[in-house]
Amino acid sequence: MSDNIWEWPLEKIDDYRWRLPKSAKAGMRVDGIIYADEKLLKDIRHDKALEQVANVAFLPGIVNASLAMPDIHWGYGFPIGGVAATDPDNGGVVSPGGVGFDINCGIRLVRTNFKYDEIKNKVQPLISSLFDLIPSGVGSKGEIRVNEREERQIMLKGSGWAVSKGYGVPEDLEATEENGAISGADPDAVSERAYERGKAQSGTLGSGNHFIEVQVIDTIYDAELAESFGLEENLVTVMIHSGSRGFGYQVCDDYLKTMMHCLQKYAINVPDRQLACAPVNSPEAKQYLAAMRAAANYAWNNRQCLMYLARKAFERTFNMSWQKMGMDLIYDVAHNIAKLEKYKINGKEKILCVHRKGATRAFPPGHPELAPKYQKTGQPVIIPGDMGRNSYLLVGTEKAAETFYSTCHGAGRVKSRTAATKAFNADKLVKELESKGIYVRASGRDTIVEEAPLAYKDVNDVVRVVHEAGISKKVCRMRPIGVLKG
């Protein structure tokens, strides 16, 4: 096989799915399946993401296929937008590269009672208030400081810690994946360096593609589902995108070193050392999963604290309580995580280790792991776009069983941050966004150009693919009116 990425042999399954046969690269245990249309496939072929799809197919115990969502692009080990499930009973492994450095980077959507016309003249002061209250950018530190004992509690209780401190209400937990805390976390599996990096970063936004965005619903696709979530056209929403900050990065970095040694110890052959891994049932994997869960809980707590600060900013701007403004959480979902989940494989129920790296869980109506309030609707799926385009709310479907109930997590980059910095001018970009009615504040000018809309695929194309492929179902679309970037 040539290294020329244009030569990867893709077979068309239908208009929205493509097969990369396991014959494409000697050593692949399963096929690759890519969710995309012809238009998106052109972008996908421009980096090494397809090679990474092939490489992931080498993982011991991988089940069915190495999967790629339409927002796929090159990442560390796994492509961003990659999904893979492994079977622990068949030598299945867990790979930190299949989770990523920003463990439980994720997104939450908050509704309000406001219609756009009621706040359109206050967007600028609202974003300024958010900017004042929420620390953002690289290394940012917040007002919510914790000692080591409390940090251990955050690792175990996740969002529940924040709620116990008054930074939210119990209803917020019901509207969060895993009720805001995945079980099996072990603070003792976390290094001192990770503890140190995490102490002052609860309730901080971070840098890169993280944001808090004030939006307005401009299109309803399913009126019944929208109504069940308390949403309607022209309603103002708030979207929060952040993760486990330096804490999660350190956990990943620590365990990548451990996993490198596991390749030789367990005689695992992968074509890229960034896919370093260990059998799920091994001591090393169990320790990594315990630390990863601690970082995931840290991230859920972080987003809960960010929502608390966002509610405060609204209260300051509109001089009323967040309860009176109807600022209820619609959902919070992770998109960088590995989880043990039940599936039927060849008629037999199995516990699989599902890696979602830049991919969103999409459980269908009736799934036993969903909270009662989502049993009829299915799990809310939140897919943000870039700061100049749309974002979407969808729900999970039964057809998503073919992707281990996974869908895409965003638009997906087409330009690296370095390329975007060279291609775009911050002042010009801010003026263009303001001409579209989008007010932007950021901690640094570099972030604005790195996150320019044209650095990303068009999220409308990406969401159309997952909707038409049937792995998630559109509910409504939002457009940005105010953006706070890290």
Protein backbone atom coordinates (compact mmCIF):
# COMPACT_ATOMS: atom_id res chain seq x y z
CA MET A 1 0.00 0.00 0.00
CA SER A 2 1.37 3.39 -0.98
CA ASP A 3 1.55 6.22 1.55
CA ASN A 4 -0.42 8.34 -0.94
CA ILE A 5 -3.62 8.97 1.01
CA TRP A 6 -5.63 9.28 -2.20
CA GLU A 7 -5.06 5.59 -2.89
CA TRP A 8 -6.90 4.13 0.12
CA PRO A 9 -9.48 1.82 -1.48
CA LEU A 10 -12.94 2.86 -0.30
CA GLU A 11 -16.03 0.87 -1.27
CA LYS A 12 -19.36 2.69 -1.33
CA ILE A 13 -21.96 0.98 0.89
CA ASP A 14 -24.61 3.68 0.37
CA ASP A 15 -24.75 7.49 0.05
CA TYR A 16 -23.55 7.98 3.63
CA ARG A 17 -21.31 4.99 4.42
CA TRP A 18 -18.01 3.77 2.97
CA ARG A 19 -16.01 0.63 3.66
CA LEU A 20 -12.24 0.51 4.03
CA PRO A 21 -11.72 -3.25 3.59
CA LYS A 22 -9.40 -5.04 5.98
CA SER A 23 -7.41 -6.15 2.95
CA ALA A 24 -6.30 -2.51 2.56
CA LYS A 25 -3.45 -2.97 5.05
CA ALA A 26 -1.97 -6.26 6.21
CA GLY A 27 -2.74 -6.71 9.90
CA MET A 28 -6.20 -5.09 9.98
CA ARG A 29 -8.51 -7.37 11.99
CA VAL A 30 -11.75 -5.70 10.80
CA ASP A 31 -12.94 -3.32 8.10
CA GLY A 32 -13.11 0.42 8.55
CA ILE A 33 -16.51 2.08 8.12
CA ILE A 34 -16.58 5.82 7.37
CA TYR A 35 -19.78 7.87 7.66
CA ALA A 36 -19.60 10.60 5.01
CA ASP A 37 -21.02 11.78 1.72
CA GLU A 38 -19.06 12.51 -1.47
CA LYS A 39 -18.49 16.14 -0.50
CA LEU A 40 -17.12 15.40 2.98
CA LEU A 41 -15.00 12.53 1.67
CA LYS A 42 -12.89 15.02 -0.29
CA ASP A 43 -11.94 16.78 2.96
CA ILE A 44 -11.38 13.48 4.77
CA ARG A 45 -8.86 12.38 2.14
CA HIS A 46 -6.72 15.48 2.71
CA ASP A 47 -5.03 14.25 5.89
CA LYS A 48 -3.99 10.91 7.38
CA ALA A 49 -7.32 10.16 9.06
CA LEU A 50 -8.07 7.16 6.80
CA GLU A 51 -4.69 5.67 7.65
CA GLN A 52 -5.57 6.05 11.31
CA VAL A 53 -8.91 4.28 10.71
CA ALA A 54 -6.89 1.40 9.24
CA ASN A 55 -4.41 1.45 12.15
CA VAL A 56 -7.18 1.30 14.78
CA ALA A 57 -8.42 -1.87 13.05
CA PHE A 58 -5.21 -3.58 14.30
CA LEU A 59 -6.29 -3.37 17.95
CA PRO A 60 -6.62 -6.77 19.66
CA GLY A 61 -10.23 -7.72 20.36
CA ILE A 62 -11.74 -5.02 18.13
CA VAL A 63 -15.40 -5.79 17.34
CA ASN A 64 -17.21 -5.37 13.99
CA ALA A 65 -15.33 -2.37 12.54
CA SER A 66 -13.06 0.62 13.07
CA LEU A 67 -15.60 3.43 12.81
CA ALA A 68 -15.24 7.04 11.70
CA MET A 69 -17.82 9.79 12.01
CA PRO A 70 -18.22 12.51 9.31
CA ASP A 71 -16.25 15.06 11.36
CA ILE A 72 -13.21 12.76 11.26
CA HIS A 73 -9.74 14.33 11.09
CA TRP A 74 -6.20 13.43 12.05
CA GLY A 75 -5.55 12.99 15.77
CA TYR A 76 -3.22 11.27 18.23
CA GLY A 77 -3.33 7.53 17.48
CA PHE A 78 -7.05 7.39 16.81
CA PRO A 79 -8.53 9.89 14.39
CA ILE A 80 -10.68 12.54 16.04
CA GLY A 81 -14.15 11.29 15.22
CA GLY A 82 -13.06 7.68 15.70
CA VAL A 83 -15.06 4.96 17.47
CA ALA A 84 -13.88 1.46 18.35
CA ALA A 85 -15.27 -1.23 20.64
CA THR A 86 -13.11 -4.05 21.98
CA ASP A 87 -14.12 -7.29 23.67
CA PRO A 88 -12.29 -7.86 26.98
CA ASP A 89 -13.14 -11.58 26.80
CA ASN A 90 -11.31 -11.82 23.48
CA GLY A 91 -8.11 -9.98 24.38
CA GLY A 92 -9.73 -6.58 23.91
CA VAL A 93 -7.60 -3.58 24.84
CA VAL A 94 -8.05 -0.02 26.05
CA SER A 95 -5.94 2.69 24.41
CA PRO A 96 -5.48 6.21 25.84
CA GLY A 97 -5.13 7.40 22.24
CA GLY A 98 -8.73 6.27 21.74
CA VAL A 99 -9.87 8.72 24.43
CA GLY A 100 -7.52 11.62 23.85
CA PHE A 101 -5.69 14.11 26.04
CA ASP A 102 -8.73 16.20 26.99
CA ILE A 103 -10.54 13.38 28.80
CA ASN A 104 -14.32 13.97 28.79
CA CYS A 105 -14.15 17.05 26.71
CA GLY A 106 -17.88 17.48 26.31
CA ILE A 107 -20.80 19.77 25.75
CA ARG A 108 -23.92 20.91 27.58
CA LEU A 109 -26.97 22.79 26.36
CA VAL A 110 -29.02 25.12 28.57
CA ARG A 111 -32.40 26.59 27.63
CA THR A 112 -33.81 29.98 28.68
CA ASN A 113 -37.27 31.57 28.65
CA PHE A 114 -36.00 34.48 26.55
CA LYS A 115 -36.98 35.09 22.96
CA TYR A 116 -34.28 36.66 20.78
CA ASP A 117 -36.05 40.04 20.50
CA GLU A 118 -36.06 40.33 24.30
CA ILE A 119 -32.27 40.19 24.62
CA LYS A 120 -30.86 41.24 21.23
CA ASN A 121 -29.83 44.65 22.60
CA LYS A 122 -28.12 43.09 25.62
CA VAL A 123 -25.94 40.48 23.92
CA GLN A 124 -22.79 42.58 24.17
CA PRO A 125 -23.06 43.29 27.92
CA LEU A 126 -24.07 39.64 28.49
CA ILE A 127 -20.95 38.33 26.74
CA SER A 128 -18.84 40.88 28.62
CA SER A 129 -20.33 39.62 31.89
CA LEU A 130 -19.54 36.02 30.92
CA PHE A 131 -15.99 37.12 30.05
CA ASP A 132 -15.60 38.82 33.43
CA LEU A 133 -16.93 35.88 35.46
CA ILE A 134 -15.44 32.90 33.60
CA PRO A 135 -11.65 32.41 33.46
CA SER A 136 -10.59 31.32 29.98
CA GLY A 137 -7.44 30.58 28.01
CA VAL A 138 -4.33 28.47 28.56
CA GLY A 139 -3.55 27.93 32.24
CA SER A 140 -6.53 29.98 33.40
CA LYS A 141 -7.48 29.68 37.08
CA GLY A 142 -10.87 30.27 38.62
CA GLU A 143 -12.51 31.44 41.83
CA ILE A 144 -13.51 27.86 42.70
CA ARG A 145 -10.31 26.71 44.43
CA VAL A 146 -10.10 23.34 46.16
CA ASN A 147 -7.71 21.57 48.52
CA GLU A 148 -6.49 18.03 47.91
CA ARG A 149 -9.27 16.44 49.96
CA GLU A 150 -11.94 18.29 47.96
CA GLU A 151 -10.19 17.48 44.70
CA ARG A 152 -10.42 13.79 45.58
CA GLN A 153 -14.14 14.29 46.20
CA ILE A 154 -14.51 15.91 42.76
CA MET A 155 -12.84 12.85 41.19
CA LEU A 156 -15.37 10.57 42.89
CA LYS A 157 -18.54 12.69 42.80
CA GLY A 158 -18.13 14.72 39.60
CA SER A 159 -20.97 17.21 39.12
CA GLY A 160 -22.44 16.04 42.41
CA TRP A 161 -19.61 17.83 44.25
CA ALA A 162 -20.55 21.14 42.60
CA VAL A 163 -24.24 20.65 43.36
CA SER A 164 -23.43 19.86 47.02
CA LYS A 165 -21.58 23.20 47.21
CA GLY A 166 -24.54 25.14 45.82
CA TYR A 167 -23.23 25.38 42.25
CA GLY A 168 -26.37 23.80 40.83
CA VAL A 169 -29.43 21.72 41.68
CA PRO A 170 -30.11 17.94 41.72
CA GLU A 171 -32.11 18.25 38.47
CA ASP A 172 -28.84 19.18 36.74
CA LEU A 173 -27.46 15.73 37.56
CA GLU A 174 -30.41 13.91 36.00
CA ALA A 175 -29.70 15.85 32.79
CA THR A 176 -26.06 14.76 32.69
CA GLU A 177 -24.57 11.59 31.22
CA GLU A 178 -23.81 9.14 34.06
CA ASN A 179 -25.63 11.57 36.40
CA GLY A 180 -22.42 13.57 36.29
CA ALA A 181 -20.18 10.90 37.84
CA ILE A 182 -19.01 7.60 36.35
CA SER A 183 -18.37 4.87 38.90
CA GLY A 184 -14.99 3.18 39.28
CA ALA A 185 -12.87 6.33 39.61
CA ASP A 186 -9.85 6.03 41.88
CA PRO A 187 -8.04 9.20 43.05
CA ASP A 188 -5.06 7.04 44.06
CA ALA A 189 -4.51 6.19 40.36
CA VAL A 190 -3.86 9.89 39.65
CA SER A 191 -0.35 11.40 39.81
CA GLU A 192 0.70 14.27 42.07
CA ARG A 193 1.39 16.34 38.94
CA ALA A 194 -2.23 15.87 37.78
CA TYR A 195 -3.48 16.87 41.25
CA GLU A 196 -1.39 20.02 41.10
CA ARG A 197 -2.62 20.97 37.63
CA GLY A 198 -6.26 20.42 38.59
CA LYS A 199 -6.42 22.38 41.85
CA ALA A 200 -7.41 25.77 40.46
CA GLN A 201 -9.07 24.83 37.17
CA SER A 202 -12.63 23.94 38.21
CA GLY A 203 -14.98 26.40 36.53
CA THR A 204 -12.46 27.44 33.86
CA LEU A 205 -13.00 27.35 30.13
CA GLY A 206 -9.58 26.55 28.76
CA SER A 207 -8.29 27.32 25.28
CA GLY A 208 -8.57 26.02 21.73
CA ASN A 209 -12.04 25.07 20.53
CA HIS A 210 -13.65 25.46 23.96
CA PHE A 211 -16.37 28.06 24.23
CA ILE A 212 -19.51 29.38 25.85
CA GLU A 213 -21.99 30.44 23.23
CA VAL A 214 -25.30 32.29 23.43
CA GLN A 215 -27.54 31.08 20.63
CA VAL A 216 -31.02 31.37 19.22
CA ILE A 217 -33.07 28.49 17.80
CA ASP A 218 -33.68 29.23 14.13
CA THR A 219 -35.13 25.92 12.86
CA ILE A 220 -37.31 23.21 14.42
CA TYR A 221 -37.16 19.80 12.71
CA ASP A 222 -39.26 17.78 15.15
CA ALA A 223 -41.84 19.91 16.95
CA GLU A 224 -42.94 17.17 19.35
CA LEU A 225 -39.40 16.41 20.53
CA ALA A 226 -38.53 20.10 20.75
CA GLU A 227 -41.59 20.75 22.89
CA SER A 228 -40.68 17.86 25.19
CA PHE A 229 -37.36 19.63 25.88
CA GLY A 230 -39.06 23.00 26.38
CA LEU A 231 -37.66 24.41 23.13
CA GLU A 232 -39.25 26.48 20.37
CA GLU A 233 -38.21 28.75 17.52
CA ASN A 234 -36.50 32.04 18.47
CA LEU A 235 -35.77 30.80 22.01
CA VAL A 236 -32.34 31.72 23.41
CA THR A 237 -30.03 28.88 24.48
CA VAL A 238 -26.55 28.62 26.00
CA MET A 239 -23.97 26.03 24.96
CA ILE A 240 -20.92 25.18 27.09
CA HIS A 241 -17.95 23.27 25.64
CA SER A 242 -15.03 22.36 27.90
CA GLY A 243 -13.25 19.36 29.41
CA SER A 244 -10.89 18.19 32.13
CA ARG A 245 -8.30 20.90 31.44
CA GLY A 246 -4.67 20.28 32.48
CA PHE A 247 -5.82 17.59 34.91
CA GLY A 248 -7.06 15.25 32.17
CA TYR A 249 -4.13 16.06 29.91
CA GLN A 250 -1.72 14.99 32.64
CA VAL A 251 -3.61 11.74 33.29
CA CYS A 252 -3.40 10.86 29.58
CA ASP A 253 0.28 11.81 29.40
CA ASP A 254 1.12 9.73 32.48
CA TYR A 255 -0.59 6.58 31.21
CA LEU A 256 0.68 6.80 27.65
CA LYS A 257 4.14 6.17 29.10
CA THR A 258 2.81 3.14 30.99
CA MET A 259 1.03 1.78 27.92
CA MET A 260 4.16 2.04 25.77
CA HIS A 261 5.76 -0.62 27.99
CA CYS A 262 2.62 -2.76 27.74
CA LEU A 263 3.07 -3.26 23.99
CA GLN A 264 6.12 -5.43 24.60
CA LYS A 265 4.85 -6.94 27.86
CA TYR A 266 1.64 -8.26 26.25
CA ALA A 267 3.14 -8.82 22.76
CA ILE A 268 0.74 -6.37 21.13
CA ASN A 269 1.51 -5.40 17.54
CA VAL A 270 0.18 -2.03 16.33
CA PRO A 271 1.51 0.01 13.39
CA ASP A 272 1.66 3.27 15.39
CA ARG A 273 3.05 3.59 18.92
CA GLN A 274 0.45 6.30 19.55
CA LEU A 275 -1.99 3.36 19.73
CA ALA A 276 -0.18 2.05 22.84
CA CYS A 277 -2.66 -0.05 24.81
CA ALA A 278 -3.14 -2.85 27.31
CA PRO A 279 -5.70 -5.65 27.70
CA VAL A 280 -8.81 -4.30 29.46
CA ASN A 281 -8.46 -6.92 32.19
CA SER A 282 -4.78 -6.16 32.86
CA PRO A 283 -3.62 -4.25 35.98
CA GLU A 284 -2.31 -1.39 33.81
CA ALA A 285 -5.61 -0.97 31.95
CA LYS A 286 -7.63 -1.12 35.14
CA GLN A 287 -5.46 1.59 36.66
CA TYR A 288 -5.75 3.76 33.54
CA LEU A 289 -9.54 3.37 33.47
CA ALA A 290 -9.73 4.32 37.16
CA ALA A 291 -7.67 7.47 36.51
CA MET A 292 -9.56 8.25 33.29
CA ARG A 293 -12.87 8.04 35.18
CA ALA A 294 -11.48 10.41 37.81
CA ALA A 295 -10.63 12.87 35.02
CA ALA A 296 -14.06 12.37 33.42
CA ASN A 297 -15.71 13.24 36.73
CA TYR A 298 -13.43 16.27 37.04
CA ALA A 299 -14.69 17.41 33.61
CA TRP A 300 -18.37 16.97 34.48
CA ASN A 301 -17.77 19.00 37.61
CA ASN A 302 -15.97 21.64 35.56
CA ARG A 303 -18.90 22.06 33.15
CA GLN A 304 -21.33 22.17 36.10
CA CYS A 305 -19.27 24.99 37.63
CA LEU A 306 -19.13 26.78 34.27
CA MET A 307 -22.93 26.57 34.01
CA TYR A 308 -23.20 28.02 37.53
CA LEU A 309 -21.02 30.97 36.45
CA ALA A 310 -23.00 31.37 33.21
CA ARG A 311 -26.24 31.50 35.21
CA LYS A 312 -24.63 34.16 37.43
CA ALA A 313 -23.71 36.22 34.35
CA PHE A 314 -27.32 36.08 33.15
CA GLU A 315 -28.54 37.06 36.63
CA ARG A 316 -26.17 40.02 36.68
CA THR A 317 -27.21 41.15 33.18
CA PHE A 318 -30.99 40.70 33.50
CA ASN A 319 -31.40 41.26 37.25
CA MET A 320 -33.47 38.15 37.93
CA SER A 321 -32.83 34.62 39.19
CA TRP A 322 -31.75 31.90 36.80
CA GLN A 323 -34.80 29.90 37.86
CA LYS A 324 -37.10 32.73 36.76
CA MET A 325 -35.20 32.88 33.46
CA GLY A 326 -35.87 29.14 32.96
CA MET A 327 -32.17 28.27 32.65
CA ASP A 328 -32.63 24.50 32.83
CA LEU A 329 -30.05 22.01 31.59
CA ILE A 330 -31.21 20.08 28.53
CA TYR A 331 -28.26 17.66 28.60
CA ASP A 332 -24.53 17.23 29.11
CA VAL A 333 -22.69 14.59 27.08
CA ALA A 334 -19.04 13.47 26.91
CA HIS A 335 -17.19 13.08 23.64
CA ASN A 336 -13.71 11.88 24.69
CA ILE A 337 -14.12 8.76 26.81
CA ALA A 338 -13.86 4.96 27.00
CA LYS A 339 -16.76 3.16 28.67
CA LEU A 340 -17.79 -0.41 29.44
CA GLU A 341 -21.23 -0.93 27.87
CA LYS A 342 -23.53 -3.87 27.12
CA TYR A 343 -24.20 -4.94 23.51
CA LYS A 344 -25.55 -7.99 21.74
CA ILE A 345 -22.86 -9.46 19.50
CA ASN A 346 -23.90 -12.44 17.38
CA GLY A 347 -26.94 -12.90 19.63
CA LYS A 348 -24.87 -12.95 22.81
CA GLU A 349 -24.80 -10.16 25.39
CA LYS A 350 -21.28 -8.82 25.87
CA ILE A 351 -19.60 -6.08 27.90
CA LEU A 352 -17.46 -4.09 25.46
CA CYS A 353 -14.96 -1.29 25.98
CA VAL A 354 -16.24 1.47 23.70
CA HIS A 355 -13.74 4.20 22.79
CA ARG A 356 -15.33 7.46 21.64
CA LYS A 357 -12.67 9.96 20.63
CA GLY A 358 -14.33 13.10 19.30
CA ALA A 359 -17.61 11.18 19.15
CA THR A 360 -20.88 11.47 21.07
CA ARG A 361 -22.94 8.76 22.74
CA ALA A 362 -26.39 8.44 21.14
CA PHE A 363 -28.59 6.04 23.13
CA PRO A 364 -32.09 5.39 21.70
CA PRO A 365 -35.51 5.69 23.39
CA GLY A 366 -35.98 3.00 26.02
CA HIS A 367 -32.28 2.39 26.66
CA PRO A 368 -31.91 1.18 30.26
CA GLU A 369 -29.01 3.53 31.03
CA LEU A 370 -31.03 6.67 30.26
CA ALA A 371 -32.69 8.69 33.01
CA PRO A 372 -36.51 8.37 33.15
CA LYS A 373 -37.06 11.81 31.59
CA TYR A 374 -35.29 10.65 28.36
CA GLN A 375 -36.87 7.21 28.04
CA LYS A 376 -39.42 8.37 25.47
CA THR A 377 -37.28 10.86 23.59
CA GLY A 378 -33.93 9.08 23.46
CA GLN A 379 -30.70 10.67 24.63
CA PRO A 380 -30.16 14.29 23.60
CA VAL A 381 -27.16 14.63 21.27
CA ILE A 382 -25.48 18.04 21.10
CA ILE A 383 -23.36 18.85 18.04
CA PRO A 384 -21.73 22.29 18.00
CA GLY A 385 -20.51 24.01 14.87
CA ASP A 386 -17.95 26.77 14.57
CA MET A 387 -18.54 30.27 15.91
CA GLY A 388 -19.88 31.52 12.57
CA ARG A 389 -22.28 28.72 11.70
CA ASN A 390 -24.95 26.59 13.36
CA SER A 391 -25.13 24.07 16.19
CA TYR A 392 -27.63 21.25 16.56
CA LEU A 393 -29.67 19.27 19.05
CA LEU A 394 -30.46 15.71 17.97
CA VAL A 395 -31.50 12.49 19.72
CA GLY A 396 -30.11 8.97 19.65
CA THR A 397 -31.72 6.22 17.58
CA GLU A 398 -31.95 2.44 17.58
CA LYS A 399 -30.11 2.34 14.23
CA ALA A 400 -27.07 3.77 16.03
CA ALA A 401 -26.53 0.26 17.42
CA GLU A 402 -24.36 -0.19 14.30
CA THR A 403 -21.97 2.48 15.66
CA PHE A 404 -22.18 1.25 19.27
CA TYR A 405 -24.68 4.08 19.80
CA SER A 406 -22.27 6.78 18.68
CA THR A 407 -22.48 9.81 16.43
CA CYS A 408 -20.33 12.83 15.56
CA HIS A 409 -19.30 15.51 18.06
CA GLY A 410 -18.79 18.63 15.94
CA ALA A 411 -17.85 19.97 12.52
CA GLY A 412 -14.27 18.68 12.32
CA ARG A 413 -11.21 20.68 11.34
CA VAL A 414 -10.02 21.10 7.75
CA LYS A 415 -7.17 23.50 8.59
CA SER A 416 -4.66 23.03 11.39
CA ARG A 417 -4.37 25.79 13.97
CA THR A 418 -1.05 26.83 12.42
CA ALA A 419 -2.55 26.98 8.92
CA ALA A 420 -5.56 28.94 10.20
CA THR A 421 -3.29 31.47 11.92
CA LYS A 422 -1.50 32.06 8.62
CA ALA A 423 -4.71 32.23 6.57
CA PHE A 424 -6.94 34.56 8.62
CA ASN A 425 -6.77 38.01 10.19
CA ALA A 426 -8.30 38.42 13.68
CA ASP A 427 -9.62 41.98 13.20
CA LYS A 428 -11.18 41.17 9.85
CA LEU A 429 -12.74 37.98 11.22
CA VAL A 430 -14.28 39.76 14.24
CA LYS A 431 -15.78 42.41 11.95
CA GLU A 432 -17.19 39.74 9.62
CA LEU A 433 -18.80 37.94 12.56
CA GLU A 434 -20.21 41.20 13.96
CA SER A 435 -21.72 41.96 10.54
CA LYS A 436 -23.62 38.66 10.92
CA GLY A 437 -24.85 39.69 14.38
CA ILE A 438 -22.31 37.57 16.30
CA TYR A 439 -20.41 39.30 19.13
CA VAL A 440 -17.12 37.60 20.09
CA ARG A 441 -14.86 37.93 23.15
CA ALA A 442 -11.67 35.87 23.57
CA SER A 443 -8.74 35.74 25.95
CA GLY A 444 -6.32 35.97 23.02
CA ARG A 445 -6.34 36.99 19.36
CA ASP A 446 -4.68 33.72 18.31
CA THR A 447 -7.72 31.74 19.45
CA ILE A 448 -10.01 33.76 17.21
CA VAL A 449 -8.07 32.96 14.03
CA GLU A 450 -7.36 29.36 15.04
CA GLU A 451 -11.11 28.83 15.41
CA ALA A 452 -12.16 30.69 12.25
CA PRO A 453 -15.26 29.20 10.60
CA LEU A 454 -13.36 28.29 7.44
CA ALA A 455 -10.92 26.23 9.52
CA TYR A 456 -13.81 23.75 9.94
CA LYS A 457 -16.06 21.63 7.78
CA ASP A 458 -19.59 22.98 7.44
CA VAL A 459 -21.45 21.46 10.39
CA ASN A 460 -24.67 21.48 8.35
CA ASP A 461 -23.07 18.93 5.99
CA VAL A 462 -21.79 16.81 8.88
CA VAL A 463 -25.14 16.71 10.69
CA ARG A 464 -27.00 15.93 7.47
CA VAL A 465 -24.90 12.75 7.13
CA VAL A 466 -25.59 11.40 10.64
CA HIS A 467 -29.30 12.27 10.27
CA GLU A 468 -29.68 10.67 6.83
CA ALA A 469 -27.59 7.66 7.90
CA GLY A 470 -30.09 7.28 10.76
CA ILE A 471 -27.58 7.21 13.64
CA SER A 472 -29.11 10.33 15.19
CA LYS A 473 -32.22 12.41 14.52
CA LYS A 474 -32.40 16.20 14.19
CA VAL A 475 -34.55 18.11 16.69
CA CYS A 476 -33.57 21.76 16.20
CA ARG A 477 -30.83 24.08 14.97
CA MET A 478 -29.29 27.08 16.73
CA ARG A 479 -27.29 30.02 15.38
CA PRO A 480 -24.75 31.93 17.48
CA ILE A 481 -25.35 35.52 18.62
CA GLY A 482 -22.58 35.81 21.21
CA VAL A 483 -19.40 33.78 21.73
CA LEU A 484 -16.84 33.56 24.54
CA LYS A 485 -13.69 31.73 23.41
CA GLY A 486 -10.89 30.39 25.57
